[in-house]
Protein backbone atom coordinates (compact mmCIF):
# COMPACT_ATOMS: atom_id res chain seq x y z
CA MET A 1 97.50 123.94 68.56
CA LYS A 2 100.01 121.33 69.68
CA PHE A 3 98.75 117.82 70.41
CA ILE A 4 100.58 115.84 73.09
CA GLN A 5 99.55 112.35 74.23
CA GLY A 6 96.53 112.46 71.96
CA ARG A 7 94.90 115.70 73.14
CA PRO A 8 95.12 119.47 72.62
CA ARG A 9 97.21 120.38 75.67
CA GLY A 10 96.68 124.15 75.76
CA LEU A 11 92.91 123.90 75.39
CA THR A 12 92.60 121.23 78.03
CA LEU A 13 94.58 123.33 80.49
CA THR A 14 92.28 126.26 79.88
CA LEU A 15 89.12 124.21 80.25
CA VAL A 16 90.15 122.13 83.22
CA ALA A 17 93.27 123.05 85.14
CA ALA A 18 92.99 126.83 85.16
CA THR A 19 89.42 127.03 86.37
CA VAL A 20 89.63 124.55 89.20
CA VAL A 21 93.05 125.35 90.63
CA LEU A 22 92.72 129.12 90.18
CA ALA A 23 89.39 129.28 91.92
CA GLY A 24 90.69 127.27 94.85
CA VAL A 25 93.46 129.76 95.55
CA LEU A 26 91.44 132.92 94.97
CA VAL A 27 89.02 131.97 97.70
CA GLY A 28 91.87 131.51 100.15
CA GLY A 29 92.07 127.75 99.96
CA ALA A 30 88.37 127.28 100.70
CA LEU A 31 87.83 124.74 97.94
CA VAL A 32 86.41 121.70 99.69
CA VAL A 33 85.48 118.44 97.98
CA LEU A 34 83.29 116.19 100.07
CA ALA A 35 82.16 112.67 99.34
CA GLY A 36 78.70 111.42 100.13
CA GLY A 37 75.50 110.20 98.58
CA ASP A 38 72.79 112.14 100.37
CA GLY A 39 71.84 109.07 102.37
CA ASP A 40 71.53 106.76 99.35
CA ASN A 41 74.27 104.14 99.40
CA GLY A 42 72.88 102.37 96.36
CA SER A 43 74.38 99.44 94.48
CA THR A 44 75.37 98.37 90.99
CA GLN A 45 71.78 97.22 90.44
CA SER A 46 70.41 100.66 91.33
CA LEU A 47 72.54 102.45 88.73
CA ARG A 48 70.48 103.80 85.87
CA ARG A 49 72.18 103.36 82.49
CA ASP A 50 69.71 104.83 79.99
CA PHE A 51 69.46 108.57 79.37
CA ARG A 52 66.42 110.58 80.40
CA ALA A 53 66.35 114.19 79.28
CA PRO A 54 65.34 116.85 81.80
CA GLU A 55 62.25 118.94 81.16
CA ARG A 56 62.65 121.87 78.80
CA HIS A 57 62.77 125.11 80.68
CA ASP A 58 63.46 128.82 80.65
CA LEU A 59 65.82 129.80 83.45
CA ASP A 60 63.92 133.01 84.21
CA ASP A 61 60.71 131.00 84.63
CA VAL A 62 62.39 128.38 86.83
CA TYR A 63 63.85 131.11 89.02
CA ALA A 64 60.53 132.94 89.30
CA GLN A 65 58.55 129.80 90.12
CA SER A 66 61.04 128.06 92.41
CA SER A 67 59.68 129.54 95.68
CA PHE A 68 63.08 129.60 97.39
CA SER A 69 62.63 130.12 101.14
CA CYS A 70 65.92 129.01 102.76
CA GLY A 71 67.98 131.09 105.12
CA GLU A 72 70.94 132.64 103.36
CA ARG A 73 73.41 130.42 105.27
CA ASP A 74 71.28 127.28 105.59
CA SER A 75 73.36 125.00 103.37
CA LEU A 76 71.24 121.87 103.98
CA CYS A 77 68.07 123.68 102.99
CA VAL A 78 69.76 125.13 99.89
CA ARG A 79 71.06 121.69 98.94
CA ASP A 80 67.60 120.12 99.19
CA PHE A 81 66.14 122.97 97.15
CA LEU A 82 68.75 122.49 94.39
CA ILE A 83 68.19 118.74 94.32
CA ASP A 84 64.46 119.30 93.75
CA VAL A 85 65.14 121.69 90.87
CA THR A 86 67.73 119.33 89.38
CA SER A 87 65.40 116.32 89.44
CA GLN A 88 62.96 118.15 87.18
CA TYR A 89 64.98 120.56 85.07
CA GLY A 90 68.56 119.29 85.31
CA PRO A 91 71.82 120.74 86.65
CA ARG A 92 72.07 123.73 84.32
CA ALA A 93 68.81 125.03 85.72
CA SER A 94 69.60 124.39 89.39
CA LEU A 95 73.13 125.78 89.28
CA GLY A 96 71.98 128.71 87.16
CA VAL A 97 69.42 129.49 89.84
CA LEU A 98 72.12 129.19 92.51
CA GLU A 99 74.22 131.77 90.70
CA ARG A 100 71.31 134.23 90.79
CA LEU A 101 70.57 133.53 94.42
CA GLN A 102 74.20 134.35 95.23
CA ARG A 103 74.17 137.55 93.18
CA GLU A 104 71.05 138.74 94.97
CA GLY A 105 72.46 137.87 98.39
CA ARG A 106 69.80 135.24 99.07
CA VAL A 107 72.52 132.58 99.42
CA ASP A 108 75.55 133.81 101.33
CA LEU A 109 78.94 133.37 99.66
CA SER A 110 80.18 131.60 102.80
CA VAL A 111 78.00 128.62 101.82
CA ASN A 112 80.20 126.06 100.05
CA ASP A 113 78.85 126.22 96.49
CA HIS A 114 81.30 123.58 95.24
CA ASP A 115 79.87 121.09 97.70
CA LEU A 116 76.33 122.07 96.66
CA ALA A 117 77.30 121.44 93.03
CA HIS A 118 78.55 117.98 94.08
CA ALA A 119 75.05 117.21 95.37
CA VAL A 120 73.60 118.42 92.07
CA GLY A 121 75.99 116.13 90.18
CA ARG A 122 74.96 113.11 92.24
CA GLU A 123 71.31 113.89 91.57
CA THR A 124 72.04 114.26 87.85
CA ALA A 125 73.56 110.77 87.64
CA LYS A 126 70.71 109.34 89.69
CA ASP A 127 67.88 110.90 87.67
CA PHE A 128 69.21 111.12 84.13
CA GLY A 129 71.52 108.09 83.84
CA SER A 130 75.17 107.07 84.13
CA ASN A 131 76.18 107.89 80.57
CA PHE A 132 77.97 110.69 78.80
CA LYS A 133 74.80 112.48 77.65
CA SER A 134 73.77 112.81 81.27
CA PHE A 135 77.31 113.75 82.37
CA ASP A 136 77.37 116.40 79.65
CA LEU A 137 74.39 118.11 81.26
CA CYS A 138 76.72 119.25 84.06
CA PRO A 139 77.99 122.81 83.63
CA THR A 140 81.47 123.76 84.82
CA LEU A 141 80.14 126.24 87.38
CA PHE A 142 81.47 126.22 90.94
CA ASN A 143 84.81 124.56 90.23
CA TYR A 144 83.44 121.56 88.31
CA GLY A 145 81.44 120.40 91.31
CA CYS A 146 78.68 118.83 89.22
CA PRO A 147 80.99 116.57 87.14
CA HIS A 148 82.84 115.56 90.31
CA GLY A 149 79.61 114.68 92.13
CA PHE A 150 78.41 112.76 89.08
CA PHE A 151 81.45 110.46 89.22
CA GLU A 152 81.15 110.23 92.95
CA TYR A 153 77.68 108.71 92.51
CA VAL A 154 78.65 106.30 89.73
CA LEU A 155 81.88 105.15 91.39
CA ALA A 156 79.94 104.19 94.51
CA ARG A 157 77.67 101.96 92.42
CA THR A 158 80.10 100.10 90.19
CA ASP A 159 82.56 97.35 91.03
CA THR A 160 85.65 99.17 89.71
CA PRO A 161 86.62 102.67 88.58
CA LYS A 162 87.28 101.20 85.15
CA GLU A 163 83.66 100.09 84.96
CA ALA A 164 82.47 103.53 86.06
CA ALA A 165 84.69 105.24 83.50
CA SER A 166 83.50 102.91 80.75
CA SER A 167 79.88 103.55 81.68
CA ILE A 168 80.31 107.29 81.24
CA CYS A 169 83.34 108.23 79.18
CA GLU A 170 83.12 105.55 76.51
CA THR A 171 79.59 106.48 75.52
CA VAL A 172 80.73 109.82 74.04
CA THR A 173 79.58 110.39 70.47
CA GLY A 174 80.14 113.27 68.05
CA GLN A 175 82.86 115.01 66.08
CA LYS A 176 86.49 113.97 66.60
CA THR A 177 87.54 117.24 68.23
CA ARG A 178 84.66 117.07 70.65
CA LEU A 179 85.44 113.44 71.44
CA LEU A 180 89.04 114.34 72.21
CA ILE A 181 88.24 117.21 74.56
CA ALA A 182 85.13 115.72 76.14
CA GLY A 183 86.75 112.33 76.58
CA PHE A 184 89.81 113.73 78.32
CA SER A 185 87.68 115.95 80.57
CA CYS A 186 85.53 112.95 81.38
CA TYR A 187 88.50 110.88 82.51
CA HIS A 188 89.77 113.91 84.43
CA GLY A 189 86.57 113.65 86.45
CA VAL A 190 87.26 109.97 87.02
CA GLY A 191 90.61 110.94 88.55
CA HIS A 192 88.94 113.23 91.08
CA GLY A 193 86.52 110.48 92.02
CA VAL A 194 89.24 107.84 92.26
CA MET A 195 91.31 110.01 94.59
CA MET A 196 88.35 110.55 96.91
CA ALA A 197 87.44 106.85 96.80
CA GLN A 198 91.04 105.92 97.68
CA ALA A 199 91.00 108.31 100.68
CA TYR A 200 93.70 110.47 99.09
CA ASP A 201 96.24 107.66 98.67
CA LEU A 202 98.22 109.08 95.74
CA GLN A 203 100.03 105.93 94.62
CA GLU A 204 96.94 103.74 94.85
CA SER A 205 94.95 106.30 92.88
CA LEU A 206 97.55 106.47 90.11
CA SER A 207 97.65 102.68 89.99
CA THR A 208 93.86 102.69 89.59
CA CYS A 209 94.17 105.16 86.70
CA ASN A 210 96.62 102.79 85.06
CA THR A 211 93.93 100.12 84.78
CA LEU A 212 92.13 102.30 82.23
CA GLY A 213 92.62 101.36 78.61
CA SER A 214 93.87 104.23 76.46
CA THR A 215 96.68 106.74 76.91
CA GLN A 216 94.12 109.54 76.91
CA ALA A 217 92.12 107.84 79.64
CA LYS A 218 95.15 107.33 81.87
CA ASP A 219 96.48 110.84 81.33
CA GLY A 220 93.11 112.46 82.03
CA CYS A 221 92.74 110.36 85.16
CA TRP A 222 96.24 111.29 86.36
CA GLN A 223 95.42 114.97 85.94
CA GLY A 224 92.27 114.65 88.02
CA VAL A 225 94.17 112.75 90.72
CA PHE A 226 96.86 115.41 91.01
CA MET A 227 94.36 118.24 91.00
CA GLU A 228 92.39 116.58 93.78
CA ASN A 229 95.66 115.94 95.60
CA VAL A 230 96.45 119.66 95.57
CA ASN A 231 92.89 120.42 96.69
CA SER A 232 93.49 118.16 99.67
CA ALA A 233 96.72 119.98 100.55
CA MET A 234 95.00 123.35 100.43
CA THR A 235 92.27 122.17 102.80
CA ASN A 236 94.53 120.19 105.18
CA ARG A 237 93.18 116.80 104.09
CA ALA A 238 96.27 115.44 102.35
CA ARG A 239 97.95 112.32 103.63
CA LYS A 240 100.90 112.89 105.92
CA GLY A 241 104.20 113.14 104.11
CA VAL A 242 102.83 113.85 100.63
CA PHE A 243 103.44 117.61 100.82
CA ASP A 244 106.34 119.31 102.60
CA ARG A 245 106.82 123.07 103.00
CA LYS A 246 110.59 122.52 103.18
CA ARG A 247 110.39 120.74 99.80
CA PRO A 248 107.70 122.71 97.95
CA LEU A 249 108.05 120.68 94.75
CA ALA A 250 107.04 117.43 96.49
CA PRO A 251 105.51 115.08 95.45
CA CYS A 252 106.19 116.10 91.84
CA ASP A 253 109.97 115.93 92.22
CA THR A 254 109.95 112.26 93.20
CA ILE A 255 106.93 110.89 91.34
CA GLY A 256 107.41 108.61 88.30
CA ALA A 257 108.49 110.33 85.09
CA GLN A 258 105.23 109.54 83.28
CA TYR A 259 103.28 111.47 85.92
CA LYS A 260 105.44 114.57 86.25
CA HIS A 261 103.69 116.76 83.67
CA GLU A 262 100.24 116.34 85.18
CA CYS A 263 101.66 116.76 88.67
CA TYR A 264 103.46 120.02 87.90
CA ILE A 265 100.69 121.49 85.75
CA ASN A 266 98.42 121.27 88.81
CA HIS A 267 100.98 122.20 91.45
CA SER A 268 100.56 125.98 91.61
CA GLY A 269 97.80 125.84 94.22
CA TRP A 270 100.24 124.34 96.71
CA LEU A 271 103.21 126.46 95.59
CA MET A 272 101.27 129.67 96.03
CA GLN A 273 100.17 128.58 99.47
CA VAL A 274 103.78 127.95 100.48
CA ALA A 275 104.80 131.27 98.86
CA ALA A 276 101.98 133.18 100.60
CA ASN A 277 100.53 134.08 97.18
CA ASP A 278 103.76 135.78 96.09
CA VAL A 279 104.01 135.01 92.37
CA ALA A 280 107.73 135.78 92.17
CA ASN A 281 108.58 133.41 95.02
CA GLY A 282 106.27 130.74 93.64
CA SER A 283 107.99 131.03 90.26
CA ARG A 284 111.42 130.60 91.89
CA PHE A 285 110.32 127.19 93.10
CA CYS A 286 109.52 126.24 89.50
CA LEU A 287 112.95 127.37 88.33
CA LYS A 288 114.41 124.54 90.41
CA VAL A 289 112.58 121.94 88.31
CA HIS A 290 114.86 120.15 85.86
CA GLY A 291 114.21 119.59 82.17
CA ARG A 292 111.00 120.08 80.27
CA ASP A 293 108.85 119.73 83.39
CA ARG A 294 109.98 123.23 84.41
CA SER A 295 107.71 124.57 81.67
CA ALA A 296 104.70 122.73 83.11
CA CYS A 297 105.37 124.17 86.56
CA MET A 298 105.69 127.71 85.15
CA GLN A 299 102.51 127.23 83.10
CA SER A 300 100.73 126.31 86.29
CA ILE A 301 101.80 129.58 87.92
CA GLY A 302 100.92 131.50 84.75
CA LEU A 303 97.42 130.05 84.56
CA MET A 304 96.82 131.18 88.11
CA VAL A 305 98.06 134.70 87.39
């Protein structure tokens, strides 16, 4: 496994980039990331730092005892139900239950499960603490919605993104390999949160990432920013002028050299939208990229395939 910029690149792409970008395209660009705190604006003082473990549980028992009674398309009711389950048993239980409810047709697939997972992530940070042990409770189900919502909550209650990142990502403990992967993924989540907090201002978000200390922290944050940027393009929320169908490689073709890899490795969602999901045409766009960044662009298409 090749290590670049202090992390195992191939493994990180598999864990992070492939899942989120691929899922967004396969559902026809329906990946929506919404900010919000469920009516609790909070403050730095209200942020819980210590870790509280959720109750031990068996998923079959939680599912059997949960008394779910929402309409299959009543997203607000489903959200409130999931928050209640999360507050007692944690996000693995609540999102595991959601998976079953979907399989059985009790929650319609038109309900935005990524947004529901955001609400679960906010509840996780609120109930179990703004630290890595709490963050690590979040599963990667539903396009990483729980980790994204977790950062959403913490970012709203700290003075700076650097403080939020320090609160969560720098409390990781364990073996070196785990620290490398978990730490990068953690800062990736920071990037998503930063981009939302900056109202999708790409340059401001990258500048915020650059306030983080280590190379790994900055790189992970950049990746999250660019992934969220592509999400915004696919859901018509991007800032005007950032993406251009006549220049499909934008903004990656004009961004600073240090950012190009993370931009291109996340760019396939937009390229495939421009190419109407034609892999050959999308790949032809990548062939116009100069130098080693062409490989990142092609990897992005390949991960999607």
